[in-house]
C-alpha atoms as a PDB file:
ATOM      1  CA  MET A   1     107.916 -78.069-116.109  1.00  0.00           C
ATOM      2  CA  GLY A   2     111.192 -77.659-117.201  1.00  0.00           C
ATOM      3  CA  LYS A   3     114.096 -79.931-117.368  1.00  0.00           C
ATOM      4  CA  LYS A   4     114.969 -81.935-113.937  1.00  0.00           C
ATOM      5  CA  ARG A   5     117.954 -80.820-112.406  1.00  0.00           C
ATOM      6  CA  PHE A   6     121.206 -83.075-112.771  1.00  0.00           C
ATOM      7  CA  VAL A   7     122.096 -84.309-109.586  1.00  0.00           C
ATOM      8  CA  ALA A   8     126.038 -85.062-108.852  1.00  0.00           C
ATOM      9  CA  PRO A   9     128.522 -83.660-106.545  1.00  0.00           C
ATOM     10  CA  HIS A  10     130.715 -82.126-109.750  1.00  0.00           C
ATOM     11  CA  VAL A  11     129.306 -81.759-112.973  1.00  0.00           C
ATOM     12  CA  VAL A  12     131.497 -80.470-116.250  1.00  0.00           C
ATOM     13  CA  TYR A  13     129.780 -77.962-118.140  1.00  0.00           C
ATOM     14  CA  LYS A  14     131.208 -78.272-122.002  1.00  0.00           C
ATOM     15  CA  THR A  15     130.326 -75.366-123.717  1.00  0.00           C
ATOM     16  CA  ASP A  16     130.843 -74.007-127.318  1.00  0.00           C
ATOM     17  CA  LYS A  17     133.619 -71.719-126.084  1.00  0.00           C
ATOM     18  CA  LYS A  18     136.507 -72.123-128.927  1.00  0.00           C
ATOM     19  CA  PRO A  19     140.204 -72.633-127.353  1.00  0.00           C
ATOM     20  CA  ASP A  20     140.884 -69.161-128.296  1.00  0.00           C
ATOM     21  CA  GLU A  21     137.853 -67.302-126.545  1.00  0.00           C
ATOM     22  CA  PRO A  22     138.441 -66.214-123.223  1.00  0.00           C
ATOM     23  CA  CYS A  23     136.526 -67.664-120.330  1.00  0.00           C
ATOM     24  CA  SER A  24     133.754 -65.812-119.154  1.00  0.00           C
ATOM     25  CA  ILE A  25     132.225 -66.160-115.285  1.00  0.00           C
ATOM     26  CA  THR A  26     129.076 -63.447-116.221  1.00  0.00           C
ATOM     27  CA  SER A  27     128.339 -65.879-119.544  1.00  0.00           C
ATOM     28  CA  SER A  28     128.556 -68.694-117.401  1.00  0.00           C
ATOM     29  CA  LEU A  29     125.900 -67.822-114.658  1.00  0.00           C
ATOM     30  CA  ALA A  30     123.867 -67.130-117.460  1.00  0.00           C
ATOM     31  CA  TYR A  31     122.883 -70.606-117.488  1.00  0.00           C
ATOM     32  CA  PHE A  32     121.586 -70.526-114.221  1.00  0.00           C
ATOM     33  CA  PRO A  33     118.138 -69.266-113.931  1.00  0.00           C
ATOM     34  CA  ASP A  34     117.289 -66.315-111.049  1.00  0.00           C
ATOM     35  CA  GLU A  35     115.163 -67.473-108.207  1.00  0.00           C
ATOM     36  CA  GLU A  36     112.619 -65.096-107.151  1.00  0.00           C
ATOM     37  CA  GLY A  37     112.345 -63.017-104.038  1.00  0.00           C
ATOM     38  CA  ASN A  38     110.819 -64.500-100.836  1.00  0.00           C
ATOM     39  CA  ASP A  39     108.431 -61.636 -99.555  1.00  0.00           C
ATOM     40  CA  GLN A  40     106.631 -63.847 -96.801  1.00  0.00           C
ATOM     41  CA  ASN A  41     107.087 -63.304 -93.078  1.00  0.00           C
ATOM     42  CA  VAL A  42     109.525 -65.805 -91.592  1.00  0.00           C
ATOM     43  CA  THR A  43     108.556 -67.449 -88.365  1.00  0.00           C
ATOM     44  CA  GLY A  44     111.924 -68.538 -87.481  1.00  0.00           C
ATOM     45  CA  PRO A  45     114.861 -69.962 -88.593  1.00  0.00           C
ATOM     46  CA  PRO A  46     115.110 -72.347 -92.152  1.00  0.00           C
ATOM     47  CA  ARG A  47     114.519 -75.577 -90.453  1.00  0.00           C
ATOM     48  CA  THR A  48     115.963 -77.741 -93.569  1.00  0.00           C
ATOM     49  CA  PRO A  49     119.481 -77.712 -95.154  1.00  0.00           C
ATOM     50  CA  PRO A  50     120.237 -76.883 -98.750  1.00  0.00           C
ATOM     51  CA  SER A  51     120.352 -80.000-100.944  1.00  0.00           C
ATOM     52  CA  ASN A  52     122.127 -81.756-103.906  1.00  0.00           C
ATOM     53  CA  LEU A  53     125.051 -79.333-103.443  1.00  0.00           C
ATOM     54  CA  THR A  54     127.092 -79.547-106.782  1.00  0.00           C
ATOM     55  CA  VAL A  55     130.124 -78.416-108.237  1.00  0.00           C
ATOM     56  CA  VAL A  56     129.966 -77.033-111.776  1.00  0.00           C
ATOM     57  CA  THR A  57     133.191 -76.541-113.704  1.00  0.00           C
ATOM     58  CA  VAL A  58     132.878 -75.378-117.027  1.00  0.00           C
ATOM     59  CA  GLU A  59     135.413 -76.727-119.463  1.00  0.00           C
ATOM     60  CA  GLY A  60     138.659 -74.961-120.174  1.00  0.00           C
ATOM     61  CA  CYS A  61     137.972 -72.689-117.334  1.00  0.00           C
ATOM     62  CA  PRO A  62     140.010 -73.391-114.267  1.00  0.00           C
ATOM     63  CA  SER A  63     139.989 -70.466-112.492  1.00  0.00           C
ATOM     64  CA  PHE A  64     136.388 -70.545-111.136  1.00  0.00           C
ATOM     65  CA  VAL A  65     133.823 -73.059-110.424  1.00  0.00           C
ATOM     66  CA  ILE A  66     129.804 -72.265-110.089  1.00  0.00           C
ATOM     67  CA  LEU A  67     128.021 -73.815-107.102  1.00  0.00           C
ATOM     68  CA  ASP A  68     124.385 -74.875-107.365  1.00  0.00           C
ATOM     69  CA  TRP A  69     121.966 -76.356-104.796  1.00  0.00           C
ATOM     70  CA  GLU A  70     118.493 -76.596-104.241  1.00  0.00           C
ATOM     71  CA  LYS A  71     116.160 -74.761-102.279  1.00  0.00           C
ATOM     72  CA  SER A  72     116.089 -75.215 -98.517  1.00  0.00           C
ATOM     73  CA  ASP A  73     112.588 -74.061 -97.313  1.00  0.00           C
ATOM     74  CA  ASN A  74     110.565 -70.691 -97.790  1.00  0.00           C
ATOM     75  CA  GLU A  75     111.959 -69.525 -94.616  1.00  0.00           C
ATOM     76  CA  THR A  76     115.159 -68.910 -96.150  1.00  0.00           C
ATOM     77  CA  THR A  77     116.163 -65.423 -97.342  1.00  0.00           C
ATOM     78  CA  GLU A  78     119.908 -65.824 -98.295  1.00  0.00           C
ATOM     79  CA  TYR A  79     122.758 -68.319 -98.113  1.00  0.00           C
ATOM     80  CA  GLU A  80     126.144 -68.242 -96.557  1.00  0.00           C
ATOM     81  CA  VAL A  81     128.706 -70.164 -98.719  1.00  0.00           C
ATOM     82  CA  VAL A  82     131.812 -70.929 -96.784  1.00  0.00           C
ATOM     83  CA  SER A  83     134.980 -72.301 -99.364  1.00  0.00           C
ATOM     84  CA  THR A  84     137.653 -73.803 -97.297  1.00  0.00           C
ATOM     85  CA  THR A  85     141.023 -73.799 -99.114  1.00  0.00           C
ATOM     86  CA  LYS A  86     143.631 -77.061 -98.126  1.00  0.00           C
ATOM     87  CA  GLY A  87     146.730 -75.699-100.184  1.00  0.00           C
ATOM     88  CA  PRO A  88     150.764 -75.351-100.523  1.00  0.00           C
ATOM     89  CA  ASN A  89     149.987 -71.950 -97.879  1.00  0.00           C
ATOM     90  CA  GLY A  90     147.882 -73.965 -95.329  1.00  0.00           C
ATOM     91  CA  HIS A  91     144.300 -73.078 -94.709  1.00  0.00           C
ATOM     92  CA  GLU A  92     142.208 -70.134 -95.968  1.00  0.00           C
ATOM     93  CA  VAL A  93     138.650 -69.632 -95.538  1.00  0.00           C
ATOM     94  CA  SER A  94     136.214 -67.092 -97.301  1.00  0.00           C
ATOM     95  CA  VAL A  95     132.374 -66.435 -97.262  1.00  0.00           C
ATOM     96  CA  LEU A  96     130.179 -65.259 -99.841  1.00  0.00           C
ATOM     97  CA  THR A  97     126.760 -64.176 -99.264  1.00  0.00           C
ATOM     98  CA  THR A  98     123.804 -64.792-101.989  1.00  0.00           C
ATOM     99  CA  ASN A  99     120.154 -64.627-102.310  1.00  0.00           C
ATOM    100  CA  GLN A 100     120.183 -67.087-105.296  1.00  0.00           C
ATOM    101  CA  THR A 101     120.418 -70.885-105.522  1.00  0.00           C
ATOM    102  CA  HIS A 102     124.012 -70.614-107.291  1.00  0.00           C
ATOM    103  CA  THR A 103     127.092 -68.798-106.955  1.00  0.00           C
ATOM    104  CA  ALA A 104     130.354 -68.563-108.404  1.00  0.00           C
ATOM    105  CA  VAL A 105     133.528 -69.131-106.461  1.00  0.00           C
ATOM    106  CA  GLU A 106     136.611 -67.406-107.935  1.00  0.00           C
ATOM    107  CA  ASN A 107     140.554 -67.190-108.205  1.00  0.00           C
ATOM    108  CA  LEU A 108     141.024 -70.834-107.369  1.00  0.00           C
ATOM    109  CA  LYS A 109     144.348 -72.053-106.875  1.00  0.00           C
ATOM    110  CA  PRO A 110     146.379 -74.556-108.537  1.00  0.00           C
ATOM    111  CA  GLU A 111     146.841 -77.954-106.714  1.00  0.00           C
ATOM    112  CA  SER A 112     144.611 -77.227-104.177  1.00  0.00           C
ATOM    113  CA  SER A 113     141.870 -78.982-102.232  1.00  0.00           C
ATOM    114  CA  TYR A 114     138.381 -77.096-101.853  1.00  0.00           C
ATOM    115  CA  GLU A 115     135.714 -77.828 -99.276  1.00  0.00           C
ATOM    116  CA  PHE A 116     132.235 -76.027 -99.657  1.00  0.00           C
ATOM    117  CA  LYS A 117     129.403 -76.026 -97.389  1.00  0.00           C
ATOM    118  CA  VAL A 118     125.931 -73.666 -98.030  1.00  0.00           C
ATOM    119  CA  THR A 119     124.052 -72.576 -95.055  1.00  0.00           C
ATOM    120  CA  PRO A 120     120.555 -70.979 -95.224  1.00  0.00           C
ATOM    121  CA  LYS A 121     119.596 -68.082 -93.316  1.00  0.00           C
ATOM    122  CA  ASN A 122     117.004 -65.104 -92.269  1.00  0.00           C
ATOM    123  CA  GLU A 123     116.664 -62.218 -89.980  1.00  0.00           C
ATOM    124  CA  LEU A 124     116.236 -64.892 -87.292  1.00  0.00           C
ATOM    125  CA  GLY A 125     118.822 -66.775 -87.596  1.00  0.00           C
ATOM    126  CA  PRO A 126     120.972 -69.446 -89.692  1.00  0.00           C
ATOM    127  CA  GLY A 127     119.478 -73.038 -90.229  1.00  0.00           C
ATOM    128  CA  PRO A 128     121.335 -76.301 -90.535  1.00  0.00           C
ATOM    129  CA  SER A 129     124.305 -76.487 -93.328  1.00  0.00           C
ATOM    130  CA  SER A 130     124.592 -78.501 -96.121  1.00  0.00           C
ATOM    131  CA  ASP A 131     126.334 -81.440 -96.513  1.00  0.00           C
ATOM    132  CA  PRO A 132     129.830 -80.462 -97.367  1.00  0.00           C
ATOM    133  CA  VAL A 133     131.147 -81.015-100.934  1.00  0.00           C
ATOM    134  CA  SER A 134     134.834 -81.578-101.796  1.00  0.00           C
ATOM    135  CA  PHE A 135     136.613 -80.665-105.093  1.00  0.00           C
ATOM    136  CA  SER A 136     140.617 -80.463-105.882  1.00  0.00           C
ATOM    137  CA  THR A 137     141.750 -78.456-108.593  1.00  0.00           C
ATOM    138  CA  GLU A 138     144.620 -79.678-111.243  1.00  0.00           C
ATOM    139  CA  SER A 139     148.150 -78.792-111.473  1.00  0.00           C
ATOM    140  CA  GLY A 140     148.549 -75.124-112.830  1.00  0.00           C
ATOM    141  CA  LYS A 141     152.275 -75.701-114.220  1.00  0.00           C
ATOM    142  CA  PHE A 142     151.110 -75.204-117.621  1.00  0.00           C
ATOM    143  CA  THR A 143     148.294 -72.212-116.911  1.00  0.00           C
ATOM    144  CA  LYS A 144     149.701 -70.068-114.522  1.00  0.00           C
ATOM    145  CA  VAL A 145     153.032 -68.822-115.925  1.00  0.00           C
ATOM    146  CA  ILE A 146     151.963 -66.482-118.672  1.00  0.00           C
ATOM    147  CA  LEU A 147     153.008 -64.582-121.593  1.00  0.00           C
ATOM    148  CA  GLU A 148     154.052 -61.013-121.486  1.00  0.00           C
ATOM    149  CA  GLU A 149     154.995 -59.582-124.870  1.00  0.00           C
ATOM    150  CA  THR A 150     157.901 -57.019-125.267  1.00  0.00           C
ATOM    151  CA  PRO A 151     158.853 -55.126-128.265  1.00  0.00           C
ATOM    152  CA  ASP A 152     161.608 -57.580-129.540  1.00  0.00           C
ATOM    153  CA  LYS A 153     160.426 -60.837-128.193  1.00  0.00           C
ATOM    154  CA  PRO A 154     158.063 -62.470-125.697  1.00  0.00           C
ATOM    155  CA  ARG A 155     159.106 -63.765-122.689  1.00  0.00           C
ATOM    156  CA  ARG A 156     157.424 -65.876-119.791  1.00  0.00           C
ATOM    157  CA  LYS A 157     156.622 -64.360-116.501  1.00  0.00           C
ATOM    158  CA  ASP A 158     154.212 -64.246-113.383  1.00  0.00           C
ATOM    159  CA  ALA A 159     152.072 -61.437-113.188  1.00  0.00           C
ATOM    160  CA  ILE A 160     152.035 -60.023-109.841  1.00  0.00           C
ATOM    161  CA  TRP A 161     149.285 -57.490-109.140  1.00  0.00           C
ATOM    162  CA  THR A 162     149.039 -55.287-106.122  1.00  0.00           C
ATOM    163  CA  GLN A 163     145.440 -54.207-104.287  1.00  0.00           C
ATOM    164  CA  PHE A 164     145.893 -50.564-104.503  1.00  0.00           C
ATOM    165  CA  PRO A 165     143.232 -47.661-104.322  1.00  0.00           C
ATOM    166  CA  PHE A 166     143.921 -45.423-107.592  1.00  0.00           C
ATOM    167  CA  LYS A 167     142.192 -42.337-109.110  1.00  0.00           C
ATOM    168  CA  SER A 168     140.776 -43.215-112.288  1.00  0.00           C
ATOM    169  CA  ASP A 169     138.546 -41.632-115.407  1.00  0.00           C
ATOM    170  CA  ALA A 170     135.387 -42.451-114.382  1.00  0.00           C
ATOM    171  CA  TYR A 171     133.978 -44.403-117.433  1.00  0.00           C
ATOM    172  CA  SER A 172     133.585 -48.062-116.194  1.00  0.00           C
ATOM    173  CA  GLU A 173     130.775 -50.570-115.835  1.00  0.00           C
ATOM    174  CA  CYS A 174     132.906 -52.322-112.856  1.00  0.00           C
ATOM    175  CA  ASN A 175     133.064 -50.775-109.141  1.00  0.00           C
ATOM    176  CA  GLY A 176     135.053 -53.807-107.787  1.00  0.00           C
ATOM    177  CA  LYS A 177     138.751 -53.973-106.288  1.00  0.00           C
ATOM    178  CA  GLN A 178     141.320 -52.101-107.751  1.00  0.00           C
ATOM    179  CA  TYR A 179     144.726 -53.391-108.536  1.00  0.00           C
ATOM    180  CA  VAL A 180     148.068 -52.240-110.355  1.00  0.00           C
ATOM    181  CA  LYS A 181     151.353 -53.295-111.753  1.00  0.00           C
ATOM    182  CA  ARG A 182     154.248 -52.257-113.546  1.00  0.00           C
ATOM    183  CA  THR A 183     154.621 -53.001-117.016  1.00  0.00           C
ATOM    184  CA  TRP A 184     157.639 -53.304-119.518  1.00  0.00           C
ATOM    185  CA  TYR A 185     156.272 -50.165-121.640  1.00  0.00           C
ATOM    186  CA  ARG A 186     156.800 -47.727-118.441  1.00  0.00           C
ATOM    187  CA  LYS A 187     153.400 -47.563-117.560  1.00  0.00           C
ATOM    188  CA  PHE A 188     151.085 -48.561-114.858  1.00  0.00           C
ATOM    189  CA  VAL A 189     148.075 -51.277-115.426  1.00  0.00           C
ATOM    190  CA  GLY A 190     145.206 -50.330-113.429  1.00  0.00           C
ATOM    191  CA  ILE A 191     142.447 -52.871-113.122  1.00  0.00           C
ATOM    192  CA  GLN A 192     139.359 -52.538-111.587  1.00  0.00           C
ATOM    193  CA  LEU A 193     137.382 -55.737-111.116  1.00  0.00           C
ATOM    194  CA  CYS A 194     133.763 -56.678-111.966  1.00  0.00           C
ATOM    195  CA  ASN A 195     134.858 -59.877-111.289  1.00  0.00           C
ATOM    196  CA  SER A 196     137.971 -62.062-111.706  1.00  0.00           C
ATOM    197  CA  LEU A 197     137.487 -62.760-115.294  1.00  0.00           C
ATOM    198  CA  ARG A 198     135.654 -59.227-116.142  1.00  0.00           C
ATOM    199  CA  TYR A 199     137.293 -55.804-115.341  1.00  0.00           C
ATOM    200  CA  LYS A 200     138.011 -52.143-116.514  1.00  0.00           C
ATOM    201  CA  ILE A 201     141.731 -51.668-117.871  1.00  0.00           C
ATOM    202  CA  TYR A 202     143.242 -48.198-117.569  1.00  0.00           C
ATOM    203  CA  LEU A 203     146.901 -47.218-118.000  1.00  0.00           C
ATOM    204  CA  SER A 204     148.807 -44.183-116.191  1.00  0.00           C
ATOM    205  CA  ASP A 205     152.123 -42.887-116.232  1.00  0.00           C
ATOM    206  CA  SER A 206     152.491 -42.864-112.398  1.00  0.00           C
ATOM    207  CA  LEU A 207     150.911 -45.000-109.553  1.00  0.00           C
ATOM    208  CA  ASN A 208     149.901 -42.023-107.637  1.00  0.00           C
ATOM    209  CA  GLY A 209     148.610 -40.272-111.079  1.00  0.00           C
ATOM    210  CA  LYS A 210     145.194 -40.528-112.611  1.00  0.00           C
ATOM    211  CA  PHE A 211     144.691 -43.517-114.588  1.00  0.00           C
ATOM    212  CA  TYR A 212     143.050 -43.161-118.118  1.00  0.00           C
ATOM    213  CA  ASN A 213     140.988 -44.863-120.195  1.00  0.00           C
ATOM    214  CA  ILE A 214     142.652 -46.861-123.455  1.00  0.00           C
ATOM    215  CA  GLY A 215     141.415 -45.999-126.396  1.00  0.00           C
ATOM    216  CA  ASP A 216     141.595 -48.290-130.026  1.00  0.00           C
ATOM    217  CA  GLN A 217     141.666 -46.519-133.409  1.00  0.00           C
ATOM    218  CA  THR A 218     141.023 -49.650-135.172  1.00  0.00           C
ATOM    219  CA  GLY A 219     138.797 -51.842-133.410  1.00  0.00           C
ATOM    220  CA  HIS A 220     136.943 -51.786-129.714  1.00  0.00           C
ATOM    221  CA  GLY A 221     140.172 -52.849-127.421  1.00  0.00           C
ATOM    222  CA  GLU A 222     140.250 -56.335-127.768  1.00  0.00           C
ATOM    223  CA  ASP A 223     143.778 -56.648-128.247  1.00  0.00           C
ATOM    224  CA  HIS A 224     144.367 -54.217-125.098  1.00  0.00           C
ATOM    225  CA  CYS A 225     144.180 -57.851-123.054  1.00  0.00           C
ATOM    226  CA  GLN A 226     147.895 -57.706-123.794  1.00  0.00           C
ATOM    227  CA  PHE A 227     148.271 -55.273-121.000  1.00  0.00           C
ATOM    228  CA  VAL A 228     147.290 -57.935-118.541  1.00  0.00           C
ATOM    229  CA  ASP A 229     149.419 -60.244-120.255  1.00  0.00           C
ATOM    230  CA  SER A 230     146.982 -62.425-122.267  1.00  0.00           C
ATOM    231  CA  PHE A 231     147.460 -63.260-125.838  1.00  0.00           C
ATOM    232  CA  LEU A 232     144.060 -63.408-126.743  1.00  0.00           C
ATOM    233  CA  ASP A 233     141.844 -61.046-128.176  1.00  0.00           C
ATOM    234  CA  GLY A 234     139.173 -60.523-125.310  1.00  0.00           C
ATOM    235  CA  ARG A 235     135.779 -59.650-125.568  1.00  0.00           C
ATOM    236  CA  THR A 236     134.711 -55.866-124.569  1.00  0.00           C
ATOM    237  CA  GLY A 237     131.669 -53.868-123.247  1.00  0.00           C
ATOM    238  CA  SER A 238     129.166 -52.051-125.462  1.00  0.00           C
ATOM    239  CA  GLN A 239     130.514 -51.261-128.599  1.00  0.00           C
ATOM    240  CA  MET A 240     129.849 -48.001-129.775  1.00  0.00           C
ATOM    241  CA  PHE A 241     131.394 -45.228-132.524  1.00  0.00           C
ATOM    242  CA  ALA A 242     133.596 -42.848-131.039  1.00  0.00           C
ATOM    243  CA  ASP A 243     131.306 -40.191-131.812  1.00  0.00           C
ATOM    244  CA  GLN A 244     128.906 -41.788-129.566  1.00  0.00           C
ATOM    245  CA  LEU A 245     131.162 -41.616-126.665  1.00  0.00           C
ATOM    246  CA  PRO A 246     131.753 -38.151-124.475  1.00  0.00           C
ATOM    247  CA  SER A 247     135.377 -36.940-125.665  1.00  0.00           C
ATOM    248  CA  ARG A 248     138.019 -37.063-122.984  1.00  0.00           C
ATOM    249  CA  PRO A 249     141.873 -37.290-122.435  1.00  0.00           C
ATOM    250  CA  GLY A 250     143.064 -40.797-122.585  1.00  0.00           C
ATOM    251  CA  PHE A 251     146.172 -43.018-123.955  1.00  0.00           C
ATOM    252  CA  TYR A 252     145.242 -45.053-127.531  1.00  0.00           C
ATOM    253  CA  ARG A 253     146.576 -47.063-130.204  1.00  0.00           C
ATOM    254  CA  ALA A 254     145.855 -49.178-133.259  1.00  0.00           C
ATOM    255  CA  VAL A 255     147.151 -52.843-133.030  1.00  0.00           C
ATOM    256  CA  ARG A 256     148.901 -54.998-130.246  1.00  0.00           C
ATOM    257  CA  GLN A 257     152.496 -54.540-129.338  1.00  0.00           C
ATOM    258  CA  GLU A 258     152.189 -50.804-130.548  1.00  0.00           C
ATOM    259  CA  PRO A 259     153.503 -47.921-128.045  1.00  0.00           C
ATOM    260  CA  VAL A 260     150.572 -46.007-126.528  1.00  0.00           C
ATOM    261  CA  SER A 261     150.406 -42.223-127.479  1.00  0.00           C
ATOM    262  CA  PHE A 262     147.858 -39.845-125.257  1.00  0.00           C
ATOM    263  CA  GLY A 263     145.411 -37.138-126.292  1.00  0.00           C
ATOM    264  CA  GLU A 264     141.560 -37.077-127.240  1.00  0.00           C
ATOM    265  CA  ILE A 265     139.643 -40.393-127.511  1.00  0.00           C
ATOM    266  CA  GLY A 266     136.001 -40.540-128.450  1.00  0.00           C
ATOM    267  CA  GLY A 267     133.815 -37.316-129.638  1.00  0.00           C
ATOM    268  CA  LYS A 268     135.251 -36.523-133.020  1.00  0.00           C
ATOM    269  CA  SER A 269     138.839 -38.378-132.429  1.00  0.00           C
ATOM    270  CA  HIS A 270     137.782 -41.682-134.292  1.00  0.00           C
ATOM    271  CA  VAL A 271     138.711 -43.464-131.341  1.00  0.00           C
ATOM    272  CA  THR A 272     136.689 -45.673-129.550  1.00  0.00           C
ATOM    273  CA  TYR A 273     136.654 -47.213-125.632  1.00  0.00           C
ATOM    274  CA  VAL A 274     134.909 -49.426-123.479  1.00  0.00           C
ATOM    275  CA  GLY A 275     133.456 -50.166-120.131  1.00  0.00           C
ATOM    276  CA  TRP A 276     134.701 -53.652-119.516  1.00  0.00           C
ATOM    277  CA  TYR A 277     137.301 -56.050-120.753  1.00  0.00           C
ATOM    278  CA  GLU A 278     137.236 -60.035-120.697  1.00  0.00           C
ATOM    279  CA  CYS A 279     140.723 -61.633-121.325  1.00  0.00           C
ATOM    280  CA  GLY A 280     140.753 -64.848-120.048  1.00  0.00           C
ATOM    281  CA  THR A 281     142.922 -63.799-117.133  1.00  0.00           C
ATOM    282  CA  PRO A 282     141.825 -64.181-113.727  1.00  0.00           C
ATOM    283  CA  ILE A 283     143.201 -61.398-111.595  1.00  0.00           C
ATOM    284  CA  PRO A 284     144.518 -61.780-108.875  1.00  0.00           C
ATOM    285  CA  GLY A 285     144.419 -65.270-109.514  1.00  0.00           C
ATOM    286  CA  LYS A 286     147.547 -67.402-110.469  1.00  0.00           C
ATOM    287  CA  TRP A 287     146.126 -69.258-113.124  1.00  0.00           C
END
């Protein structure tokens, strides 16, 4: 039968994540089993609201929460999740849709109040909404200022990401929104999101030029998190030897803070590259 679901407005998950390991939305969601699809014919809109809506936070990971709730009834085929933010910039509303009884809400802002509400739906219309649940984030004064390293010394700076559709080399496991920013090493960093904490990192010499993969001569791109202003060595996607990867042009280097070169990566180059990174830095979030 499994364990009884823990019921409370707010639950903190304490994981075995070490302080120097990046947060992962994907790994956190793995603790929540997926619901099986509902194939039966519906006779009307859902009749009962979702119950026991719970805000789940992961210890040491302030930029996202996971909302979890109990299924409404067998008439429900999807849920609409509404997040209302009350912060320094006024009210903001975002809407997510899912066919599961849990979802991640990303890019939370420091010192902000949130209200979450879940509405069951099917093709015949919406049902009654859950009771709203409130949640407030903590101060970000120690966490929203990130570290950007320069060749001579580190300096503190707020990262500014601009949403911009760029042309890229196609090796990526992410297909979400794209963001760019300029860096001290006279390159543009391009990001394509899987989610706010998992993304593909590219480099380009110009904003309107092609954005290329970044290769690693000594590892699998763990220190490439420097390009998104993270001091952590990150998690990376499928780690293969260079000769298992297609040969392609790209930037590459061997160690953190080393200037990048441009040339062949993959193939016979002995330079590896990966499909995604998790660096602990939310994009385009402010934590």
